Amino acid sequence: MKKYFRINLEKGQATTEYALVLLGAAVIALLVIAWATDGGGAGRIGELFDTVLSGIFDRTDSIGQ
């Protein structure tokens, strides 16, 4: 009977760890969103997208020629 009780405790621990990981991921996501909207990150993200899209367009232009 003690084995059965111990198995149930370990399952509960795994569930708790999973919930804590999800909570940590949510906190990080909220920090990134706050940085991107208020902390000047919006300009940096825009520059990143511009750089990426410019690189893609440059490659497609060279393929078409």
PDB file of N, CA and C in Angstrom:
ATOM      1  N   MET A   1       0.818  -1.188   0.000  1.00  0.00           N
ATOM      2  CA  MET A   1       0.000   0.000   0.000  1.00  0.00           C
ATOM      3  C   MET A   1       0.870   1.264   0.000  1.00  0.00           C
ATOM      4  N   LYS A   2       2.026   1.209   0.630  1.00  0.00           N
ATOM      5  CA  LYS A   2       2.912   2.368   0.653  1.00  0.00           C
ATOM      6  C   LYS A   2       3.420   2.697  -0.746  1.00  0.00           C
ATOM      7  N   LYS A   3       3.676   1.676  -1.577  1.00  0.00           N
ATOM      8  CA  LYS A   3       4.135   1.926  -2.950  1.00  0.00           C
ATOM      9  C   LYS A   3       3.088   2.721  -3.733  1.00  0.00           C
ATOM     10  N   TYR A   4       1.844   2.335  -3.590  1.00  0.00           N
ATOM     11  CA  TYR A   4       0.763   3.004  -4.318  1.00  0.00           C
ATOM     12  C   TYR A   4       0.685   4.475  -3.918  1.00  0.00           C
ATOM     13  N   PHE A   5       0.805   4.750  -2.634  1.00  0.00           N
ATOM     14  CA  PHE A   5       0.745   6.114  -2.142  1.00  0.00           C
ATOM     15  C   PHE A   5       1.913   6.940  -2.680  1.00  0.00           C
ATOM     16  N   ARG A   6       3.084   6.341  -2.745  1.00  0.00           N
ATOM     17  CA  ARG A   6       4.266   7.046  -3.245  1.00  0.00           C
ATOM     18  C   ARG A   6       4.133   7.369  -4.726  1.00  0.00           C
ATOM     19  N   ILE A   7       3.577   6.471  -5.515  1.00  0.00           N
ATOM     20  CA  ILE A   7       3.372   6.710  -6.940  1.00  0.00           C
ATOM     21  C   ILE A   7       2.442   7.897  -7.139  1.00  0.00           C
ATOM     22  N   ASN A   8       1.390   7.994  -6.366  1.00  0.00           N
ATOM     23  CA  ASN A   8       0.464   9.113  -6.480  1.00  0.00           C
ATOM     24  C   ASN A   8       1.131  10.436  -6.139  1.00  0.00           C
ATOM     25  N   LEU A   9       2.010  10.453  -5.148  1.00  0.00           N
ATOM     26  CA  LEU A   9       2.720  11.683  -4.806  1.00  0.00           C
ATOM     27  C   LEU A   9       3.624  12.123  -5.943  1.00  0.00           C
ATOM     28  N   GLU A  10       4.288  11.185  -6.595  1.00  0.00           N
ATOM     29  CA  GLU A  10       5.171  11.540  -7.705  1.00  0.00           C
ATOM     30  C   GLU A  10       4.379  12.089  -8.888  1.00  0.00           C
ATOM     31  N   LYS A  11       3.193  11.550  -9.126  1.00  0.00           N
ATOM     32  CA  LYS A  11       2.354  12.087 -10.206  1.00  0.00           C
ATOM     33  C   LYS A  11       1.940  13.516  -9.894  1.00  0.00           C
ATOM     34  N   GLY A  12       1.619  13.792  -8.645  1.00  0.00           N
ATOM     35  CA  GLY A  12       1.252  15.142  -8.248  1.00  0.00           C
ATOM     36  C   GLY A  12       2.414  16.100  -8.385  1.00  0.00           C
ATOM     37  N   GLN A  13       3.612  15.620  -8.097  1.00  0.00           N
ATOM     38  CA  GLN A  13       4.798  16.464  -8.224  1.00  0.00           C
ATOM     39  C   GLN A  13       5.037  16.822  -9.684  1.00  0.00           C
ATOM     40  N   ALA A  14       4.861  15.867 -10.586  1.00  0.00           N
ATOM     41  CA  ALA A  14       5.048  16.145 -12.008  1.00  0.00           C
ATOM     42  C   ALA A  14       4.033  17.175 -12.484  1.00  0.00           C
ATOM     43  N   THR A  15       2.810  17.081 -12.011  1.00  0.00           N
ATOM     44  CA  THR A  15       1.781  18.043 -12.389  1.00  0.00           C
ATOM     45  C   THR A  15       2.138  19.430 -11.870  1.00  0.00           C
ATOM     46  N   THR A  16       2.643  19.503 -10.656  1.00  0.00           N
ATOM     47  CA  THR A  16       3.043  20.780 -10.077  1.00  0.00           C
ATOM     48  C   THR A  16       4.206  21.384 -10.857  1.00  0.00           C
ATOM     49  N   GLU A  17       5.177  20.571 -11.211  1.00  0.00           N
ATOM     50  CA  GLU A  17       6.314  21.065 -11.992  1.00  0.00           C
ATOM     51  C   GLU A  17       5.849  21.580 -13.346  1.00  0.00           C
ATOM     52  N   TYR A  18       4.925  20.869 -13.978  1.00  0.00           N
ATOM     53  CA  TYR A  18       4.390  21.297 -15.271  1.00  0.00           C
ATOM     54  C   TYR A  18       3.687  22.647 -15.136  1.00  0.00           C
ATOM     55  N   ALA A  19       2.900  22.805 -14.076  1.00  0.00           N
ATOM     56  CA  ALA A  19       2.200  24.070 -13.855  1.00  0.00           C
ATOM     57  C   ALA A  19       3.187  25.205 -13.621  1.00  0.00           C
ATOM     58  N   LEU A  20       4.262  24.947 -12.889  1.00  0.00           N
ATOM     59  CA  LEU A  20       5.264  25.987 -12.645  1.00  0.00           C
ATOM     60  C   LEU A  20       6.000  26.373 -13.928  1.00  0.00           C
ATOM     61  N   VAL A  21       6.272  25.408 -14.776  1.00  0.00           N
ATOM     62  CA  VAL A  21       6.920  25.715 -16.059  1.00  0.00           C
ATOM     63  C   VAL A  21       6.005  26.577 -16.915  1.00  0.00           C
ATOM     64  N   LEU A  22       4.716  26.234 -16.960  1.00  0.00           N
ATOM     65  CA  LEU A  22       3.761  27.045 -17.728  1.00  0.00           C
ATOM     66  C   LEU A  22       3.648  28.456 -17.159  1.00  0.00           C
ATOM     67  N   LEU A  23       3.654  28.573 -15.850  1.00  0.00           N
ATOM     68  CA  LEU A  23       3.592  29.882 -15.219  1.00  0.00           C
ATOM     69  C   LEU A  23       4.836  30.703 -15.561  1.00  0.00           C
ATOM     70  N   GLY A  24       6.003  30.077 -15.514  1.00  0.00           N
ATOM     71  CA  GLY A  24       7.234  30.770 -15.885  1.00  0.00           C
ATOM     72  C   GLY A  24       7.226  31.225 -17.337  1.00  0.00           C
ATOM     73  N   ALA A  25       6.734  30.370 -18.226  1.00  0.00           N
ATOM     74  CA  ALA A  25       6.649  30.735 -19.646  1.00  0.00           C
ATOM     75  C   ALA A  25       5.690  31.900 -19.847  1.00  0.00           C
ATOM     76  N   ALA A  26       4.590  31.913 -19.113  1.00  0.00           N
ATOM     77  CA  ALA A  26       3.632  33.016 -19.223  1.00  0.00           C
ATOM     78  C   ALA A  26       4.238  34.325 -18.744  1.00  0.00           C
ATOM     79  N   VAL A  27       4.999  34.271 -17.663  1.00  0.00           N
ATOM     80  CA  VAL A  27       5.647  35.482 -17.143  1.00  0.00           C
ATOM     81  C   VAL A  27       6.658  36.016 -18.159  1.00  0.00           C
ATOM     82  N   ILE A  28       7.436  35.128 -18.748  1.00  0.00           N
ATOM     83  CA  ILE A  28       8.418  35.556 -19.752  1.00  0.00           C
ATOM     84  C   ILE A  28       7.707  36.160 -20.963  1.00  0.00           C
ATOM     85  N   ALA A  29       6.619  35.536 -21.391  1.00  0.00           N
ATOM     86  CA  ALA A  29       5.863  36.062 -22.531  1.00  0.00           C
ATOM     87  C   ALA A  29       5.315  37.454 -22.221  1.00  0.00           C
ATOM     88  N   LEU A  30       4.805  37.653 -21.027  1.00  0.00           N
ATOM     89  CA  LEU A  30       4.289  38.973 -20.649  1.00  0.00           C
ATOM     90  C   LEU A  30       5.402  40.013 -20.600  1.00  0.00           C
ATOM     91  N   LEU A  31       6.575  39.627 -20.117  1.00  0.00           N
ATOM     92  CA  LEU A  31       7.703  40.566 -20.096  1.00  0.00           C
ATOM     93  C   LEU A  31       8.134  40.953 -21.504  1.00  0.00           C
ATOM     94  N   VAL A  32       8.150  39.982 -22.408  1.00  0.00           N
ATOM     95  CA  VAL A  32       8.527  40.271 -23.796  1.00  0.00           C
ATOM     96  C   VAL A  32       7.496  41.192 -24.441  1.00  0.00           C
ATOM     97  N   ILE A  33       6.222  40.937 -24.184  1.00  0.00           N
ATOM     98  CA  ILE A  33       5.168  41.798 -24.745  1.00  0.00           C
ATOM     99  C   ILE A  33       5.276  43.211 -24.186  1.00  0.00           C
ATOM    100  N   ALA A  34       5.520  43.327 -22.889  1.00  0.00           N
ATOM    101  CA  ALA A  34       5.667  44.652 -22.285  1.00  0.00           C
ATOM    102  C   ALA A  34       6.871  45.379 -22.867  1.00  0.00           C
ATOM    103  N   TRP A  35       7.967  44.674 -23.055  1.00  0.00           N
ATOM    104  CA  TRP A  35       9.168  45.292 -23.632  1.00  0.00           C
ATOM    105  C   TRP A  35       8.908  45.734 -25.068  1.00  0.00           C
ATOM    106  N   ALA A  36       8.210  44.908 -25.827  1.00  0.00           N
ATOM    107  CA  ALA A  36       7.987  45.207 -27.233  1.00  0.00           C
ATOM    108  C   ALA A  36       7.029  46.375 -27.423  1.00  0.00           C
ATOM    109  N   THR A  37       6.107  46.579 -26.492  1.00  0.00           N
ATOM    110  CA  THR A  37       5.123  47.643 -26.683  1.00  0.00           C
ATOM    111  C   THR A  37       5.535  48.954 -26.013  1.00  0.00           C
ATOM    112  N   ASP A  38       6.117  48.903 -24.836  1.00  0.00           N
ATOM    113  CA  ASP A  38       6.430  50.124 -24.097  1.00  0.00           C
ATOM    114  C   ASP A  38       7.916  50.437 -24.016  1.00  0.00           C
ATOM    115  N   GLY A  39       8.752  49.449 -24.043  1.00  0.00           N
ATOM    116  CA  GLY A  39      10.158  49.650 -23.758  1.00  0.00           C
ATOM    117  C   GLY A  39      11.026  49.962 -24.956  1.00  0.00           C
ATOM    118  N   GLY A  40      10.462  50.396 -26.043  1.00  0.00           N
ATOM    119  CA  GLY A  40      11.263  50.708 -27.217  1.00  0.00           C
ATOM    120  C   GLY A  40      11.599  49.494 -28.055  1.00  0.00           C
ATOM    121  N   GLY A  41      11.079  48.371 -27.682  1.00  0.00           N
ATOM    122  CA  GLY A  41      11.335  47.156 -28.441  1.00  0.00           C
ATOM    123  C   GLY A  41      10.605  47.124 -29.761  1.00  0.00           C
ATOM    124  N   ALA A  42       9.530  47.912 -29.866  1.00  0.00           N
ATOM    125  CA  ALA A  42       8.754  47.916 -31.103  1.00  0.00           C
ATOM    126  C   ALA A  42       9.614  48.378 -32.279  1.00  0.00           C
ATOM    127  N   GLY A  43      10.442  49.385 -32.053  1.00  0.00           N
ATOM    128  CA  GLY A  43      11.331  49.857 -33.115  1.00  0.00           C
ATOM    129  C   GLY A  43      12.357  48.812 -33.492  1.00  0.00           C
ATOM    130  N   ARG A  44      12.865  48.117 -32.512  1.00  0.00           N
ATOM    131  CA  ARG A  44      13.858  47.074 -32.780  1.00  0.00           C
ATOM    132  C   ARG A  44      13.222  45.905 -33.523  1.00  0.00           C
ATOM    133  N   ILE A  45      12.009  45.541 -33.139  1.00  0.00           N
ATOM    134  CA  ILE A  45      11.327  44.450 -33.829  1.00  0.00           C
ATOM    135  C   ILE A  45      11.035  44.849 -35.266  1.00  0.00           C
ATOM    136  N   GLY A  46      10.638  46.097 -35.479  1.00  0.00           N
ATOM    137  CA  GLY A  46      10.410  46.593 -36.838  1.00  0.00           C
ATOM    138  C   GLY A  46      11.676  46.536 -37.676  1.00  0.00           C
ATOM    139  N   GLU A  47      12.794  46.935 -37.087  1.00  0.00           N
ATOM    140  CA  GLU A  47      14.073  46.868 -37.801  1.00  0.00           C
ATOM    141  C   GLU A  47      14.440  45.428 -38.135  1.00  0.00           C
ATOM    142  N   LEU A  48      14.180  44.522 -37.210  1.00  0.00           N
ATOM    143  CA  LEU A  48      14.459  43.107 -37.456  1.00  0.00           C
ATOM    144  C   LEU A  48      13.636  42.590 -38.627  1.00  0.00           C
ATOM    145  N   PHE A  49      12.331  42.888 -38.628  1.00  0.00           N
ATOM    146  CA  PHE A  49      11.482  42.451 -39.730  1.00  0.00           C
ATOM    147  C   PHE A  49      11.936  43.064 -41.052  1.00  0.00           C
ATOM    148  N   ASP A  50      12.307  44.344 -41.030  1.00  0.00           N
ATOM    149  CA  ASP A  50      12.793  44.986 -42.249  1.00  0.00           C
ATOM    150  C   ASP A  50      14.044  44.293 -42.773  1.00  0.00           C
ATOM    151  N   THR A  51      14.966  43.969 -41.877  1.00  0.00           N
ATOM    152  CA  THR A  51      16.191  43.291 -42.279  1.00  0.00           C
ATOM    153  C   THR A  51      15.898  41.915 -42.861  1.00  0.00           C
ATOM    154  N   VAL A  52      15.038  41.167 -42.195  1.00  0.00           N
ATOM    155  CA  VAL A  52      14.702  39.816 -42.657  1.00  0.00           C
ATOM    156  C   VAL A  52      14.006  39.885 -44.008  1.00  0.00           C
ATOM    157  N   LEU A  53      13.015  40.764 -44.137  1.00  0.00           N
ATOM    158  CA  LEU A  53      12.288  40.860 -45.406  1.00  0.00           C
ATOM    159  C   LEU A  53      13.181  41.362 -46.533  1.00  0.00           C
ATOM    160  N   SER A  54      14.075  42.289 -46.228  1.00  0.00           N
ATOM    161  CA  SER A  54      15.008  42.774 -47.247  1.00  0.00           C
ATOM    162  C   SER A  54      15.899  41.636 -47.742  1.00  0.00           C
ATOM    163  N   GLY A  55      16.378  40.825 -46.825  1.00  0.00           N
ATOM    164  CA  GLY A  55      17.208  39.682 -47.206  1.00  0.00           C
ATOM    165  C   GLY A  55      16.439  38.687 -48.062  1.00  0.00           C
ATOM    166  N   ILE A  56      15.186  38.444 -47.714  1.00  0.00           N
ATOM    167  CA  ILE A  56      14.367  37.510 -48.507  1.00  0.00           C
ATOM    168  C   ILE A  56      14.122  38.077 -49.899  1.00  0.00           C
ATOM    169  N   PHE A  57      13.750  39.365 -49.968  1.00  0.00           N
ATOM    170  CA  PHE A  57      13.486  39.969 -51.269  1.00  0.00           C
ATOM    171  C   PHE A  57      14.737  40.026 -52.141  1.00  0.00           C
ATOM    172  N   ASP A  58      15.886  40.297 -51.531  1.00  0.00           N
ATOM    173  CA  ASP A  58      17.139  40.327 -52.282  1.00  0.00           C
ATOM    174  C   ASP A  58      17.444  38.950 -52.872  1.00  0.00           C
ATOM    175  N   ARG A  59      17.197  37.916 -52.112  1.00  0.00           N
ATOM    176  CA  ARG A  59      17.454  36.550 -52.605  1.00  0.00           C
ATOM    177  C   ARG A  59      16.491  36.168 -53.716  1.00  0.00           C
ATOM    178  N   THR A  60      15.223  36.547 -53.570  1.00  0.00           N
ATOM    179  CA  THR A  60      14.253  36.204 -54.611  1.00  0.00           C
ATOM    180  C   THR A  60      14.514  37.001 -55.883  1.00  0.00           C
ATOM    181  N   ASP A  61      14.977  38.253 -55.745  1.00  0.00           N
ATOM    182  CA  ASP A  61      15.308  39.051 -56.927  1.00  0.00           C
ATOM    183  C   ASP A  61      16.480  38.441 -57.685  1.00  0.00           C
ATOM    184  N   SER A  62      17.477  37.940 -56.959  1.00  0.00           N
ATOM    185  CA  SER A  62      18.646  37.348 -57.630  1.00  0.00           C
ATOM    186  C   SER A  62      18.289  36.004 -58.282  1.00  0.00           C
ATOM    187  N   ILE A  63      17.311  35.311 -57.763  1.00  0.00           N
ATOM    188  CA  ILE A  63      16.883  34.040 -58.364  1.00  0.00           C
ATOM    189  C   ILE A  63      16.132  34.308 -59.669  1.00  0.00           C
ATOM    190  N   GLY A  64      15.317  35.371 -59.692  1.00  0.00           N
ATOM    191  CA  GLY A  64      14.508  35.671 -60.855  1.00  0.00           C
ATOM    192  C   GLY A  64      15.300  36.214 -62.035  1.00  0.00           C
ATOM    193  N   GLN A  65      16.525  36.627 -61.827  1.00  0.00           N
ATOM    194  CA  GLN A  65      17.294  37.227 -62.929  1.00  0.00           C
ATOM    195  C   GLN A  65      18.064  36.213 -63.707  1.00  0.00           C
TER     196      GLN A  65
END
